[in-house]
């Protein structure tokens, strides 16, 4: 879908006002507004689909092992940008990920060739790209720390607290399998931990979901970083 003439690019790209008028015109003409339904995959493998800007909704960036087990690397929210969907513009970086919508999501797609020209012509755009890369690298390093230094019960507790914050509710309609996919674990392990949390009175399990019964204790467990 073409972009309207009054779309506020400056709210999403901090370097917009510093771009020459001709580059603003080229970028605006090339950008497309797209919609993704819940659980729809919008990027996979080593494809170079373009530079994504999230307008509304939420995207999940995940990777998978040879076993097929996946893990969430990071999430993207409104006003976030995704570079790994346009990995061909990133020199010496090969990062194979899958990007899917966690809920109905509107996003802009900027063709990689256009964004490459913008980055080459604008020092501010190049700096913005580097800052995004540094931020995503920090996200992945944080994830590695979680995998190496935190018990699974603390990780699951933290995930449930974060989901409740995102959903605005202590009642979560999510399966054990979906939690396992986010955390890169086996469903059986997640089920065992959830049963333990339910036995301790921190959560209540019901068909197709989980209700947080004691958010204070669950938060305390989530902050436990000692393996």
C-alpha atoms as a PDB file:
ATOM      1  CA  UNK A   1       0.000   0.000   0.000  1.00  0.00           C
ATOM      2  CA  UNK A   2       1.494   3.422  -0.948  1.00  0.00           C
ATOM      3  CA  UNK A   3       2.308   5.925   1.801  1.00  0.00           C
ATOM      4  CA  UNK A   4       0.152   9.015   2.185  1.00  0.00           C
ATOM      5  CA  UNK A   5       1.766  12.349   1.464  1.00  0.00           C
ATOM      6  CA  UNK A   6       1.454  13.421   5.100  1.00  0.00           C
ATOM      7  CA  UNK A   7       2.904  10.270   6.699  1.00  0.00           C
ATOM      8  CA  UNK A   8       5.153  11.503   9.579  1.00  0.00           C
ATOM      9  CA  UNK A   9       8.479   9.888   8.655  1.00  0.00           C
ATOM     10  CA  UNK A  10      10.249  12.218  11.071  1.00  0.00           C
ATOM     11  CA  UNK A  11       8.556  10.395  13.979  1.00  0.00           C
ATOM     12  CA  UNK A  12      10.178   7.109  12.957  1.00  0.00           C
ATOM     13  CA  UNK A  13      13.487   8.164  11.406  1.00  0.00           C
ATOM     14  CA  UNK A  14      15.399  10.679  13.555  1.00  0.00           C
ATOM     15  CA  UNK A  15      17.618  11.620  10.611  1.00  0.00           C
ATOM     16  CA  UNK A  16      14.663  12.483   8.328  1.00  0.00           C
ATOM     17  CA  UNK A  17      14.945  16.278   8.569  1.00  0.00           C
ATOM     18  CA  UNK A  18      18.670  16.101   7.770  1.00  0.00           C
ATOM     19  CA  UNK A  19      18.104  14.243   4.495  1.00  0.00           C
ATOM     20  CA  UNK A  20      18.293  16.152   1.218  1.00  0.00           C
ATOM     21  CA  UNK A  21      14.870  16.792  -0.264  1.00  0.00           C
ATOM     22  CA  UNK A  22      15.514  14.418  -3.186  1.00  0.00           C
ATOM     23  CA  UNK A  23      16.284  11.519  -0.818  1.00  0.00           C
ATOM     24  CA  UNK A  24      13.169  12.255   1.224  1.00  0.00           C
ATOM     25  CA  UNK A  25      11.138  12.135  -1.978  1.00  0.00           C
ATOM     26  CA  UNK A  26      12.763   8.870  -3.110  1.00  0.00           C
ATOM     27  CA  UNK A  27      12.289   7.197   0.260  1.00  0.00           C
ATOM     28  CA  UNK A  28       8.662   8.313   0.553  1.00  0.00           C
ATOM     29  CA  UNK A  29       7.896   7.053  -2.962  1.00  0.00           C
ATOM     30  CA  UNK A  30       9.550   3.681  -2.356  1.00  0.00           C
ATOM     31  CA  UNK A  31       8.130   2.955   1.118  1.00  0.00           C
ATOM     32  CA  UNK A  32       5.133   0.643   1.353  1.00  0.00           C
ATOM     33  CA  UNK A  33       2.683   0.252   4.224  1.00  0.00           C
ATOM     34  CA  UNK A  34       1.974  -3.421   4.920  1.00  0.00           C
ATOM     35  CA  UNK A  35      -0.227  -5.362   7.318  1.00  0.00           C
ATOM     36  CA  UNK A  36       0.618  -8.684   8.987  1.00  0.00           C
ATOM     37  CA  UNK A  37      -1.926 -10.867  10.746  1.00  0.00           C
ATOM     38  CA  UNK A  38      -1.233 -12.588  14.064  1.00  0.00           C
ATOM     39  CA  UNK A  39       1.401 -15.359  13.674  1.00  0.00           C
ATOM     40  CA  UNK A  40       2.113 -14.388  10.054  1.00  0.00           C
ATOM     41  CA  UNK A  41       5.771 -14.799   9.048  1.00  0.00           C
ATOM     42  CA  UNK A  42       6.963 -11.707   7.168  1.00  0.00           C
ATOM     43  CA  UNK A  43      10.650 -12.586   6.824  1.00  0.00           C
ATOM     44  CA  UNK A  44      12.568 -15.825   6.920  1.00  0.00           C
ATOM     45  CA  UNK A  45      15.985 -17.225   6.110  1.00  0.00           C
ATOM     46  CA  UNK A  46      18.607 -15.170   4.337  1.00  0.00           C
ATOM     47  CA  UNK A  47      16.185 -13.121   2.243  1.00  0.00           C
ATOM     48  CA  UNK A  48      16.777  -9.410   1.864  1.00  0.00           C
ATOM     49  CA  UNK A  49      13.208  -8.153   2.150  1.00  0.00           C
ATOM     50  CA  UNK A  50      13.877  -4.594   3.172  1.00  0.00           C
ATOM     51  CA  UNK A  51      14.116  -2.240   6.104  1.00  0.00           C
ATOM     52  CA  UNK A  52      11.032  -2.593   8.349  1.00  0.00           C
ATOM     53  CA  UNK A  53       9.585   0.144  10.567  1.00  0.00           C
ATOM     54  CA  UNK A  54       6.830  -0.932  12.975  1.00  0.00           C
ATOM     55  CA  UNK A  55       3.910   1.480  12.922  1.00  0.00           C
ATOM     56  CA  UNK A  56       1.654  -0.472  15.283  1.00  0.00           C
ATOM     57  CA  UNK A  57       1.549  -3.963  16.744  1.00  0.00           C
ATOM     58  CA  UNK A  58       4.439  -6.235  17.696  1.00  0.00           C
ATOM     59  CA  UNK A  59       6.957  -8.402  15.847  1.00  0.00           C
ATOM     60  CA  UNK A  60       8.975 -11.321  17.155  1.00  0.00           C
ATOM     61  CA  UNK A  61      12.492 -11.962  15.860  1.00  0.00           C
ATOM     62  CA  UNK A  62      13.534 -15.567  16.423  1.00  0.00           C
ATOM     63  CA  UNK A  63      16.146 -18.062  15.348  1.00  0.00           C
ATOM     64  CA  UNK A  64      16.101 -21.856  15.272  1.00  0.00           C
ATOM     65  CA  UNK A  65      18.580 -24.653  15.900  1.00  0.00           C
ATOM     66  CA  UNK A  66      19.015 -27.668  13.629  1.00  0.00           C
ATOM     67  CA  UNK A  67      16.697 -29.564  15.966  1.00  0.00           C
ATOM     68  CA  UNK A  68      13.941 -27.151  14.995  1.00  0.00           C
ATOM     69  CA  UNK A  69      13.687 -25.614  18.462  1.00  0.00           C
ATOM     70  CA  UNK A  70      13.374 -21.835  18.277  1.00  0.00           C
ATOM     71  CA  UNK A  71      14.138 -19.001  20.659  1.00  0.00           C
ATOM     72  CA  UNK A  72      13.029 -15.374  20.709  1.00  0.00           C
ATOM     73  CA  UNK A  73      15.995 -13.053  20.191  1.00  0.00           C
ATOM     74  CA  UNK A  74      14.073  -9.831  20.710  1.00  0.00           C
ATOM     75  CA  UNK A  75      10.711  -8.179  20.091  1.00  0.00           C
ATOM     76  CA  UNK A  76       9.955  -5.057  18.115  1.00  0.00           C
ATOM     77  CA  UNK A  77       7.238  -2.561  19.028  1.00  0.00           C
ATOM     78  CA  UNK A  78       5.730   0.582  17.510  1.00  0.00           C
ATOM     79  CA  UNK A  79       8.476   2.977  16.271  1.00  0.00           C
ATOM     80  CA  UNK A  80      11.122   0.213  16.396  1.00  0.00           C
ATOM     81  CA  UNK A  81      13.036  -0.656  13.242  1.00  0.00           C
ATOM     82  CA  UNK A  82      14.264  -3.986  11.944  1.00  0.00           C
ATOM     83  CA  UNK A  83      17.561  -4.187  10.064  1.00  0.00           C
ATOM     84  CA  UNK A  84      17.974  -7.964   9.899  1.00  0.00           C
ATOM     85  CA  UNK A  85      15.189  -8.207   7.334  1.00  0.00           C
ATOM     86  CA  UNK A  86      17.584  -6.311   5.054  1.00  0.00           C
ATOM     87  CA  UNK A  87      20.828  -8.068   5.945  1.00  0.00           C
ATOM     88  CA  UNK A  88      22.265  -7.493   2.460  1.00  0.00           C
ATOM     89  CA  UNK A  89      22.880  -3.841   3.348  1.00  0.00           C
ATOM     90  CA  UNK A  90      24.944  -4.808   6.409  1.00  0.00           C
ATOM     91  CA  UNK A  91      28.560  -5.385   5.502  1.00  0.00           C
ATOM     92  CA  UNK A  92      30.226  -8.501   6.968  1.00  0.00           C
ATOM     93  CA  UNK A  93      27.106  -9.432   8.945  1.00  0.00           C
ATOM     94  CA  UNK A  94      25.259 -12.661   8.265  1.00  0.00           C
ATOM     95  CA  UNK A  95      22.314 -13.128  10.579  1.00  0.00           C
ATOM     96  CA  UNK A  96      19.600 -15.586   9.644  1.00  0.00           C
ATOM     97  CA  UNK A  97      16.370 -14.954  11.512  1.00  0.00           C
ATOM     98  CA  UNK A  98      12.639 -15.399  11.161  1.00  0.00           C
ATOM     99  CA  UNK A  99      10.337 -12.459  11.849  1.00  0.00           C
ATOM    100  CA  UNK A 100       6.664 -12.972  12.616  1.00  0.00           C
ATOM    101  CA  UNK A 101       3.790 -10.876  13.901  1.00  0.00           C
ATOM    102  CA  UNK A 102       2.699 -11.594  17.475  1.00  0.00           C
ATOM    103  CA  UNK A 103      -0.493  -9.632  16.872  1.00  0.00           C
ATOM    104  CA  UNK A 104      -2.008  -7.687  13.983  1.00  0.00           C
ATOM    105  CA  UNK A 105       0.800  -5.376  12.917  1.00  0.00           C
ATOM    106  CA  UNK A 106       1.215  -2.493  10.474  1.00  0.00           C
ATOM    107  CA  UNK A 107       4.726  -1.806   9.269  1.00  0.00           C
ATOM    108  CA  UNK A 108       6.605   0.117   6.616  1.00  0.00           C
ATOM    109  CA  UNK A 109       8.874  -1.665   4.175  1.00  0.00           C
ATOM    110  CA  UNK A 110      11.706   0.353   2.661  1.00  0.00           C
ATOM    111  CA  UNK A 111      13.521  -1.466  -0.187  1.00  0.00           C
ATOM    112  CA  UNK A 112      17.127  -2.310   0.743  1.00  0.00           C
ATOM    113  CA  UNK A 113      18.605  -0.519  -2.258  1.00  0.00           C
ATOM    114  CA  UNK A 114      16.870   2.723  -1.262  1.00  0.00           C
ATOM    115  CA  UNK A 115      17.971   2.513   2.361  1.00  0.00           C
ATOM    116  CA  UNK A 116      21.514   1.726   1.240  1.00  0.00           C
ATOM    117  CA  UNK A 117      21.598   4.941  -0.812  1.00  0.00           C
ATOM    118  CA  UNK A 118      20.190   6.910   2.101  1.00  0.00           C
ATOM    119  CA  UNK A 119      22.811   5.519   4.501  1.00  0.00           C
ATOM    120  CA  UNK A 120      25.617   6.202   2.041  1.00  0.00           C
ATOM    121  CA  UNK A 121      24.528   9.810   1.533  1.00  0.00           C
ATOM    122  CA  UNK A 122      23.686  10.702   5.137  1.00  0.00           C
ATOM    123  CA  UNK A 123      26.088  10.462   8.079  1.00  0.00           C
ATOM    124  CA  UNK A 124      23.113  10.747  10.445  1.00  0.00           C
ATOM    125  CA  UNK A 125      21.388   7.778   8.770  1.00  0.00           C
ATOM    126  CA  UNK A 126      24.574   5.710   8.956  1.00  0.00           C
ATOM    127  CA  UNK A 127      24.944   6.567  12.648  1.00  0.00           C
ATOM    128  CA  UNK A 128      21.314   5.598  13.257  1.00  0.00           C
ATOM    129  CA  UNK A 129      21.940   2.221  11.568  1.00  0.00           C
ATOM    130  CA  UNK A 130      24.980   1.606  13.756  1.00  0.00           C
ATOM    131  CA  UNK A 131      23.027   2.490  16.889  1.00  0.00           C
ATOM    132  CA  UNK A 132      20.288   0.009  15.966  1.00  0.00           C
ATOM    133  CA  UNK A 133      22.872  -2.711  15.352  1.00  0.00           C
ATOM    134  CA  UNK A 134      24.492  -2.017  18.724  1.00  0.00           C
ATOM    135  CA  UNK A 135      21.111  -2.156  20.451  1.00  0.00           C
ATOM    136  CA  UNK A 136      20.197  -5.504  18.863  1.00  0.00           C
ATOM    137  CA  UNK A 137      23.635  -6.906  19.719  1.00  0.00           C
ATOM    138  CA  UNK A 138      23.005  -5.862  23.327  1.00  0.00           C
ATOM    139  CA  UNK A 139      19.628  -7.646  23.227  1.00  0.00           C
ATOM    140  CA  UNK A 140      21.241 -10.876  22.032  1.00  0.00           C
ATOM    141  CA  UNK A 141      24.031 -10.663  24.631  1.00  0.00           C
ATOM    142  CA  UNK A 142      21.400 -10.171  27.344  1.00  0.00           C
ATOM    143  CA  UNK A 143      19.653 -13.289  26.063  1.00  0.00           C
ATOM    144  CA  UNK A 144      22.899 -15.260  26.222  1.00  0.00           C
ATOM    145  CA  UNK A 145      23.331 -14.160  29.830  1.00  0.00           C
ATOM    146  CA  UNK A 146      19.813 -15.383  30.588  1.00  0.00           C
ATOM    147  CA  UNK A 147      20.507 -18.762  29.012  1.00  0.00           C
ATOM    148  CA  UNK A 148      23.796 -19.217  30.826  1.00  0.00           C
ATOM    149  CA  UNK A 149      23.145 -17.708  34.240  1.00  0.00           C
ATOM    150  CA  UNK A 150      19.488 -18.025  35.151  1.00  0.00           C
ATOM    151  CA  UNK A 151      17.395 -20.987  36.191  1.00  0.00           C
ATOM    152  CA  UNK A 152      14.466 -21.917  33.993  1.00  0.00           C
ATOM    153  CA  UNK A 153      11.906 -21.136  36.703  1.00  0.00           C
ATOM    154  CA  UNK A 154      13.247 -17.566  36.955  1.00  0.00           C
ATOM    155  CA  UNK A 155      13.203 -17.180  33.164  1.00  0.00           C
ATOM    156  CA  UNK A 156       9.624 -18.414  32.907  1.00  0.00           C
ATOM    157  CA  UNK A 157       8.539 -16.170  35.775  1.00  0.00           C
ATOM    158  CA  UNK A 158      10.133 -13.203  34.022  1.00  0.00           C
ATOM    159  CA  UNK A 159       8.433 -14.118  30.758  1.00  0.00           C
ATOM    160  CA  UNK A 160       5.010 -14.307  32.423  1.00  0.00           C
ATOM    161  CA  UNK A 161       5.497 -10.922  34.100  1.00  0.00           C
ATOM    162  CA  UNK A 162       6.529  -9.378  30.781  1.00  0.00           C
ATOM    163  CA  UNK A 163       3.556 -10.924  28.952  1.00  0.00           C
ATOM    164  CA  UNK A 164       1.174  -9.597  31.582  1.00  0.00           C
ATOM    165  CA  UNK A 165       2.660  -6.118  31.137  1.00  0.00           C
ATOM    166  CA  UNK A 166       2.312  -6.293  27.350  1.00  0.00           C
ATOM    167  CA  UNK A 167      -1.236  -7.640  27.478  1.00  0.00           C
ATOM    168  CA  UNK A 168      -2.368  -5.377  30.305  1.00  0.00           C
ATOM    169  CA  UNK A 169      -3.868  -8.367  32.093  1.00  0.00           C
ATOM    170  CA  UNK A 170      -2.868 -11.080  34.558  1.00  0.00           C
ATOM    171  CA  UNK A 171      -4.813 -13.603  32.475  1.00  0.00           C
ATOM    172  CA  UNK A 172      -2.656 -14.861  29.615  1.00  0.00           C
ATOM    173  CA  UNK A 173      -4.042 -16.875  26.724  1.00  0.00           C
ATOM    174  CA  UNK A 174      -0.858 -18.658  25.767  1.00  0.00           C
ATOM    175  CA  UNK A 175       0.100 -22.321  25.452  1.00  0.00           C
ATOM    176  CA  UNK A 176       2.996 -24.138  27.052  1.00  0.00           C
ATOM    177  CA  UNK A 177       4.352 -24.788  23.556  1.00  0.00           C
ATOM    178  CA  UNK A 178       4.370 -21.085  22.714  1.00  0.00           C
ATOM    179  CA  UNK A 179       6.270 -20.272  25.923  1.00  0.00           C
ATOM    180  CA  UNK A 180       8.795 -22.986  25.063  1.00  0.00           C
ATOM    181  CA  UNK A 181       9.278 -21.462  21.604  1.00  0.00           C
ATOM    182  CA  UNK A 182       9.958 -18.038  23.094  1.00  0.00           C
ATOM    183  CA  UNK A 183      12.487 -19.371  25.603  1.00  0.00           C
ATOM    184  CA  UNK A 184      14.183 -21.992  23.438  1.00  0.00           C
ATOM    185  CA  UNK A 185      13.193 -24.822  25.748  1.00  0.00           C
ATOM    186  CA  UNK A 186      11.233 -28.066  25.509  1.00  0.00           C
ATOM    187  CA  UNK A 187       7.503 -27.996  26.156  1.00  0.00           C
ATOM    188  CA  UNK A 188       7.882 -30.725  28.794  1.00  0.00           C
ATOM    189  CA  UNK A 189      10.326 -28.563  30.753  1.00  0.00           C
ATOM    190  CA  UNK A 190       7.997 -25.558  30.602  1.00  0.00           C
ATOM    191  CA  UNK A 191       5.035 -27.666  31.722  1.00  0.00           C
ATOM    192  CA  UNK A 192       6.999 -29.022  34.676  1.00  0.00           C
ATOM    193  CA  UNK A 193       7.985 -25.520  35.811  1.00  0.00           C
ATOM    194  CA  UNK A 194       4.451 -24.164  35.344  1.00  0.00           C
ATOM    195  CA  UNK A 195       3.048 -27.001  37.409  1.00  0.00           C
ATOM    196  CA  UNK A 196       5.549 -26.134  40.141  1.00  0.00           C
ATOM    197  CA  UNK A 197       4.564 -22.441  40.028  1.00  0.00           C
ATOM    198  CA  UNK A 198       0.908 -23.439  40.219  1.00  0.00           C
ATOM    199  CA  UNK A 199       1.596 -25.719  43.185  1.00  0.00           C
ATOM    200  CA  UNK A 200       3.327 -22.794  44.928  1.00  0.00           C
ATOM    201  CA  UNK A 201       0.279 -20.603  44.350  1.00  0.00           C
ATOM    202  CA  UNK A 202       1.980 -18.102  42.051  1.00  0.00           C
ATOM    203  CA  UNK A 203      -0.140 -18.935  39.009  1.00  0.00           C
ATOM    204  CA  UNK A 204      -3.310 -20.793  38.090  1.00  0.00           C
ATOM    205  CA  UNK A 205      -3.411 -23.019  35.034  1.00  0.00           C
ATOM    206  CA  UNK A 206      -6.470 -23.359  32.838  1.00  0.00           C
ATOM    207  CA  UNK A 207      -7.085 -24.819  29.417  1.00  0.00           C
ATOM    208  CA  UNK A 208      -5.329 -22.596  26.885  1.00  0.00           C
ATOM    209  CA  UNK A 209      -3.843 -20.176  29.348  1.00  0.00           C
ATOM    210  CA  UNK A 210      -2.356 -19.050  32.632  1.00  0.00           C
ATOM    211  CA  UNK A 211      -3.557 -16.619  35.291  1.00  0.00           C
ATOM    212  CA  UNK A 212      -1.050 -14.879  37.555  1.00  0.00           C
ATOM    213  CA  UNK A 213      -2.238 -15.343  41.125  1.00  0.00           C
ATOM    214  CA  UNK A 214       0.657 -13.783  43.075  1.00  0.00           C
ATOM    215  CA  UNK A 215       2.522 -11.238  40.968  1.00  0.00           C
ATOM    216  CA  UNK A 216       4.736 -10.131  43.875  1.00  0.00           C
ATOM    217  CA  UNK A 217       6.184 -13.613  44.442  1.00  0.00           C
ATOM    218  CA  UNK A 218       6.445 -14.230  40.712  1.00  0.00           C
ATOM    219  CA  UNK A 219       8.360 -10.965  40.270  1.00  0.00           C
ATOM    220  CA  UNK A 220      10.670 -11.894  43.131  1.00  0.00           C
ATOM    221  CA  UNK A 221      11.402 -15.221  41.463  1.00  0.00           C
ATOM    222  CA  UNK A 222      11.964 -13.498  38.107  1.00  0.00           C
ATOM    223  CA  UNK A 223      14.663 -11.329  39.665  1.00  0.00           C
ATOM    224  CA  UNK A 224      16.541 -14.381  40.915  1.00  0.00           C
ATOM    225  CA  UNK A 225      19.552 -14.524  38.591  1.00  0.00           C
ATOM    226  CA  UNK A 226      21.511 -17.144  40.520  1.00  0.00           C
ATOM    227  CA  UNK A 227      21.568 -20.540  38.734  1.00  0.00           C
END
